[in-house]
Amino acid sequence: MSAVDIYLKVEADLDESENARRFAAELCRILERVYGVRKVEVMSLHEGESEGRA
């Protein structure tokens, strides 16, 4: 079996009450649990205003 690194960019609109780091940690837990990945980590986290997409 070979190991593969997959780099994803996820852009999400969060409510003001939601914590971006907690959201990212939950995404990592879901990837580990549902897809059985060996290692998941958040490399960077950029918080900013939404660009008003529909």
PDB file of N, CA and C in Angstrom:
ATOM      1  N   MET A   1       0.848  -1.170   0.000  1.00  0.00           N
ATOM      2  CA  MET A   1       0.000   0.000   0.000  1.00  0.00           C
ATOM      3  C   MET A   1       0.897   1.238   0.000  1.00  0.00           C
ATOM      4  N   SER A   2       0.546   2.228  -0.810  1.00  0.00           N
ATOM      5  CA  SER A   2       1.352   3.441  -0.865  1.00  0.00           C
ATOM      6  C   SER A   2       0.670   4.583  -0.120  1.00  0.00           C
ATOM      7  N   ALA A   3       1.473   5.486   0.402  1.00  0.00           N
ATOM      8  CA  ALA A   3       0.955   6.671   1.085  1.00  0.00           C
ATOM      9  C   ALA A   3       0.829   7.812   0.078  1.00  0.00           C
ATOM     10  N   VAL A   4      -0.224   8.596   0.212  1.00  0.00           N
ATOM     11  CA  VAL A   4      -0.476   9.717  -0.684  1.00  0.00           C
ATOM     12  C   VAL A   4      -0.778  10.950   0.151  1.00  0.00           C
ATOM     13  N   ASP A   5      -0.127  12.057  -0.152  1.00  0.00           N
ATOM     14  CA  ASP A   5      -0.448  13.332   0.486  1.00  0.00           C
ATOM     15  C   ASP A   5      -1.439  14.059  -0.413  1.00  0.00           C
ATOM     16  N   ILE A   6      -2.544  14.504   0.159  1.00  0.00           N
ATOM     17  CA  ILE A   6      -3.564  15.246  -0.580  1.00  0.00           C
ATOM     18  C   ILE A   6      -3.727  16.596   0.101  1.00  0.00           C
ATOM     19  N   TYR A   7      -3.583  17.654  -0.665  1.00  0.00           N
ATOM     20  CA  TYR A   7      -3.707  19.000  -0.118  1.00  0.00           C
ATOM     21  C   TYR A   7      -5.050  19.583  -0.536  1.00  0.00           C
ATOM     22  N   LEU A   8      -5.822  20.006   0.450  1.00  0.00           N
ATOM     23  CA  LEU A   8      -7.146  20.559   0.197  1.00  0.00           C
ATOM     24  C   LEU A   8      -7.190  22.010   0.658  1.00  0.00           C
ATOM     25  N   LYS A   9      -7.972  22.794  -0.027  1.00  0.00           N
ATOM     26  CA  LYS A   9      -8.278  24.140   0.450  1.00  0.00           C
ATOM     27  C   LYS A   9      -9.771  24.151   0.722  1.00  0.00           C
ATOM     28  N   VAL A  10     -10.143  24.446   1.946  1.00  0.00           N
ATOM     29  CA  VAL A  10     -11.543  24.462   2.341  1.00  0.00           C
ATOM     30  C   VAL A  10     -11.892  25.889   2.737  1.00  0.00           C
ATOM     31  N   GLU A  11     -12.923  26.417   2.113  1.00  0.00           N
ATOM     32  CA  GLU A  11     -13.391  27.764   2.443  1.00  0.00           C
ATOM     33  C   GLU A  11     -14.808  27.630   2.961  1.00  0.00           C
ATOM     34  N   ALA A  12     -15.046  28.062   4.188  1.00  0.00           N
ATOM     35  CA  ALA A  12     -16.358  27.907   4.819  1.00  0.00           C
ATOM     36  C   ALA A  12     -16.808  29.225   5.417  1.00  0.00           C
ATOM     37  N   ASP A  13     -18.093  29.484   5.339  1.00  0.00           N
ATOM     38  CA  ASP A  13     -18.682  30.655   5.979  1.00  0.00           C
ATOM     39  C   ASP A  13     -19.187  30.224   7.347  1.00  0.00           C
ATOM     40  N   LEU A  14     -18.627  30.800   8.390  1.00  0.00           N
ATOM     41  CA  LEU A  14     -19.011  30.461   9.755  1.00  0.00           C
ATOM     42  C   LEU A  14     -19.772  31.615  10.384  1.00  0.00           C
ATOM     43  N   ASP A  15     -20.692  31.284  11.273  1.00  0.00           N
ATOM     44  CA  ASP A  15     -21.374  32.312  12.050  1.00  0.00           C
ATOM     45  C   ASP A  15     -20.374  32.958  12.999  1.00  0.00           C
ATOM     46  N   GLU A  16     -20.692  34.147  13.452  1.00  0.00           N
ATOM     47  CA  GLU A  16     -19.816  34.854  14.393  1.00  0.00           C
ATOM     48  C   GLU A  16     -19.592  34.045  15.669  1.00  0.00           C
ATOM     49  N   SER A  17     -20.574  33.226  16.042  1.00  0.00           N
ATOM     50  CA  SER A  17     -20.473  32.448  17.278  1.00  0.00           C
ATOM     51  C   SER A  17     -19.591  31.203  17.123  1.00  0.00           C
ATOM     52  N   GLU A  18     -19.291  30.805  15.878  1.00  0.00           N
ATOM     53  CA  GLU A  18     -18.492  29.601  15.653  1.00  0.00           C
ATOM     54  C   GLU A  18     -16.998  29.915  15.702  1.00  0.00           C
ATOM     55  N   ASN A  19     -16.235  28.996  16.247  1.00  0.00           N
ATOM     56  CA  ASN A  19     -14.790  29.127  16.367  1.00  0.00           C
ATOM     57  C   ASN A  19     -14.115  28.420  15.189  1.00  0.00           C
ATOM     58  N   ALA A  20     -13.288  29.148  14.439  1.00  0.00           N
ATOM     59  CA  ALA A  20     -12.653  28.597  13.241  1.00  0.00           C
ATOM     60  C   ALA A  20     -11.718  27.431  13.578  1.00  0.00           C
ATOM     61  N   ARG A  21     -10.981  27.529  14.663  1.00  0.00           N
ATOM     62  CA  ARG A  21     -10.071  26.438  15.041  1.00  0.00           C
ATOM     63  C   ARG A  21     -10.845  25.181  15.438  1.00  0.00           C
ATOM     64  N   ARG A  22     -11.944  25.363  16.131  1.00  0.00           N
ATOM     65  CA  ARG A  22     -12.773  24.215  16.513  1.00  0.00           C
ATOM     66  C   ARG A  22     -13.386  23.571  15.267  1.00  0.00           C
ATOM     67  N   PHE A  23     -13.812  24.389  14.316  1.00  0.00           N
ATOM     68  CA  PHE A  23     -14.357  23.887  13.052  1.00  0.00           C
ATOM     69  C   PHE A  23     -13.301  23.068  12.310  1.00  0.00           C
ATOM     70  N   ALA A  24     -12.079  23.576  12.231  1.00  0.00           N
ATOM     71  CA  ALA A  24     -10.994  22.872  11.548  1.00  0.00           C
ATOM     72  C   ALA A  24     -10.670  21.556  12.255  1.00  0.00           C
ATOM     73  N   ALA A  25     -10.664  21.571  13.576  1.00  0.00           N
ATOM     74  CA  ALA A  25     -10.387  20.355  14.332  1.00  0.00           C
ATOM     75  C   ALA A  25     -11.471  19.302  14.085  1.00  0.00           C
ATOM     76  N   GLU A  26     -12.719  19.740  13.996  1.00  0.00           N
ATOM     77  CA  GLU A  26     -13.809  18.807  13.725  1.00  0.00           C
ATOM     78  C   GLU A  26     -13.683  18.210  12.324  1.00  0.00           C
ATOM     79  N   LEU A  27     -13.278  19.003  11.339  1.00  0.00           N
ATOM     80  CA  LEU A  27     -13.034  18.469   9.999  1.00  0.00           C
ATOM     81  C   LEU A  27     -11.962  17.377  10.037  1.00  0.00           C
ATOM     82  N   CYS A  28     -10.915  17.615  10.792  1.00  0.00           N
ATOM     83  CA  CYS A  28      -9.843  16.621  10.925  1.00  0.00           C
ATOM     84  C   CYS A  28     -10.377  15.331  11.550  1.00  0.00           C
ATOM     85  N   ARG A  29     -11.157  15.453  12.609  1.00  0.00           N
ATOM     86  CA  ARG A  29     -11.717  14.262  13.270  1.00  0.00           C
ATOM     87  C   ARG A  29     -12.613  13.476  12.316  1.00  0.00           C
ATOM     88  N   ILE A  30     -13.409  14.183  11.520  1.00  0.00           N
ATOM     89  CA  ILE A  30     -14.298  13.504  10.573  1.00  0.00           C
ATOM     90  C   ILE A  30     -13.493  12.757   9.515  1.00  0.00           C
ATOM     91  N   LEU A  31     -12.447  13.384   8.995  1.00  0.00           N
ATOM     92  CA  LEU A  31     -11.610  12.710   7.994  1.00  0.00           C
ATOM     93  C   LEU A  31     -10.963  11.455   8.570  1.00  0.00           C
ATOM     94  N   GLU A  32     -10.498  11.540   9.808  1.00  0.00           N
ATOM     95  CA  GLU A  32      -9.880  10.370  10.438  1.00  0.00           C
ATOM     96  C   GLU A  32     -10.889   9.253  10.656  1.00  0.00           C
ATOM     97  N   ARG A  33     -12.063   9.614  11.160  1.00  0.00           N
ATOM     98  CA  ARG A  33     -13.065   8.610  11.505  1.00  0.00           C
ATOM     99  C   ARG A  33     -13.746   8.019  10.273  1.00  0.00           C
ATOM    100  N   VAL A  34     -14.217   8.862   9.389  1.00  0.00           N
ATOM    101  CA  VAL A  34     -15.011   8.382   8.256  1.00  0.00           C
ATOM    102  C   VAL A  34     -14.138   7.755   7.173  1.00  0.00           C
ATOM    103  N   TYR A  35     -13.009   8.392   6.870  1.00  0.00           N
ATOM    104  CA  TYR A  35     -12.189   7.912   5.761  1.00  0.00           C
ATOM    105  C   TYR A  35     -10.981   7.095   6.201  1.00  0.00           C
ATOM    106  N   GLY A  36     -10.748   6.990   7.499  1.00  0.00           N
ATOM    107  CA  GLY A  36      -9.673   6.160   8.002  1.00  0.00           C
ATOM    108  C   GLY A  36      -8.288   6.642   7.602  1.00  0.00           C
ATOM    109  N   VAL A  37      -8.135   7.939   7.437  1.00  0.00           N
ATOM    110  CA  VAL A  37      -6.819   8.454   7.067  1.00  0.00           C
ATOM    111  C   VAL A  37      -5.862   8.310   8.237  1.00  0.00           C
ATOM    112  N   ARG A  38      -4.597   8.186   7.929  1.00  0.00           N
ATOM    113  CA  ARG A  38      -3.577   7.945   8.940  1.00  0.00           C
ATOM    114  C   ARG A  38      -3.226   9.207   9.716  1.00  0.00           C
ATOM    115  N   LYS A  39      -3.141  10.351   9.033  1.00  0.00           N
ATOM    116  CA  LYS A  39      -2.732  11.584   9.682  1.00  0.00           C
ATOM    117  C   LYS A  39      -3.448  12.762   9.032  1.00  0.00           C
ATOM    118  N   VAL A  40      -3.977  13.649   9.848  1.00  0.00           N
ATOM    119  CA  VAL A  40      -4.629  14.866   9.370  1.00  0.00           C
ATOM    120  C   VAL A  40      -4.112  16.015  10.211  1.00  0.00           C
ATOM    121  N   GLU A  41      -3.753  17.110   9.563  1.00  0.00           N
ATOM    122  CA  GLU A  41      -3.301  18.273  10.319  1.00  0.00           C
ATOM    123  C   GLU A  41      -3.711  19.546   9.604  1.00  0.00           C
ATOM    124  N   VAL A  42      -3.903  20.593  10.376  1.00  0.00           N
ATOM    125  CA  VAL A  42      -4.202  21.912   9.830  1.00  0.00           C
ATOM    126  C   VAL A  42      -2.866  22.624   9.673  1.00  0.00           C
ATOM    127  N   MET A  43      -2.510  22.941   8.436  1.00  0.00           N
ATOM    128  CA  MET A  43      -1.232  23.595   8.162  1.00  0.00           C
ATOM    129  C   MET A  43      -1.311  25.102   8.401  1.00  0.00           C
ATOM    130  N   SER A  44      -2.431  25.703   8.046  1.00  0.00           N
ATOM    131  CA  SER A  44      -2.615  27.130   8.277  1.00  0.00           C
ATOM    132  C   SER A  44      -4.102  27.425   8.359  1.00  0.00           C
ATOM    133  N   LEU A  45      -4.401  28.538   8.981  1.00  0.00           N
ATOM    134  CA  LEU A  45      -5.790  28.949   9.157  1.00  0.00           C
ATOM    135  C   LEU A  45      -5.838  30.447   8.944  1.00  0.00           C
ATOM    136  N   HIS A  46      -6.614  30.875   7.960  1.00  0.00           N
ATOM    137  CA  HIS A  46      -6.717  32.296   7.629  1.00  0.00           C
ATOM    138  C   HIS A  46      -8.156  32.730   7.839  1.00  0.00           C
ATOM    139  N   GLU A  47      -8.360  33.596   8.807  1.00  0.00           N
ATOM    140  CA  GLU A  47      -9.712  34.102   9.060  1.00  0.00           C
ATOM    141  C   GLU A  47      -9.856  35.456   8.391  1.00  0.00           C
ATOM    142  N   GLY A  48     -11.007  35.666   7.780  1.00  0.00           N
ATOM    143  CA  GLY A  48     -11.267  36.933   7.124  1.00  0.00           C
ATOM    144  C   GLY A  48     -12.749  37.076   6.869  1.00  0.00           C
ATOM    145  N   GLU A  49     -13.116  38.180   6.264  1.00  0.00           N
ATOM    146  CA  GLU A  49     -14.517  38.436   5.955  1.00  0.00           C
ATOM    147  C   GLU A  49     -14.923  37.679   4.701  1.00  0.00           C
ATOM    148  N   SER A  50     -16.187  37.293   4.657  1.00  0.00           N
ATOM    149  CA  SER A  50     -16.740  36.643   3.484  1.00  0.00           C
ATOM    150  C   SER A  50     -16.795  37.631   2.336  1.00  0.00           C
ATOM    151  N   GLU A  51     -16.596  37.133   1.119  1.00  0.00           N
ATOM    152  CA  GLU A  51     -16.582  37.996  -0.044  1.00  0.00           C
ATOM    153  C   GLU A  51     -17.961  38.130  -0.669  1.00  0.00           C
ATOM    154  N   GLY A  52     -19.002  37.727   0.050  1.00  0.00           N
ATOM    155  CA  GLY A  52     -20.369  37.910  -0.411  1.00  0.00           C
ATOM    156  C   GLY A  52     -20.787  37.050  -1.573  1.00  0.00           C
ATOM    157  N   ARG A  53     -20.274  35.830  -1.599  1.00  0.00           N
ATOM    158  CA  ARG A  53     -20.661  34.922  -2.679  1.00  0.00           C
ATOM    159  C   ARG A  53     -22.064  34.404  -2.458  1.00  0.00           C
ATOM    160  N   ALA A  54     -22.744  34.090  -3.528  1.00  0.00           N
ATOM    161  CA  ALA A  54     -24.115  33.586  -3.450  1.00  0.00           C
ATOM    162  C   ALA A  54     -24.154  32.108  -3.144  1.00  0.00           C
TER     163      ALA A  54
END
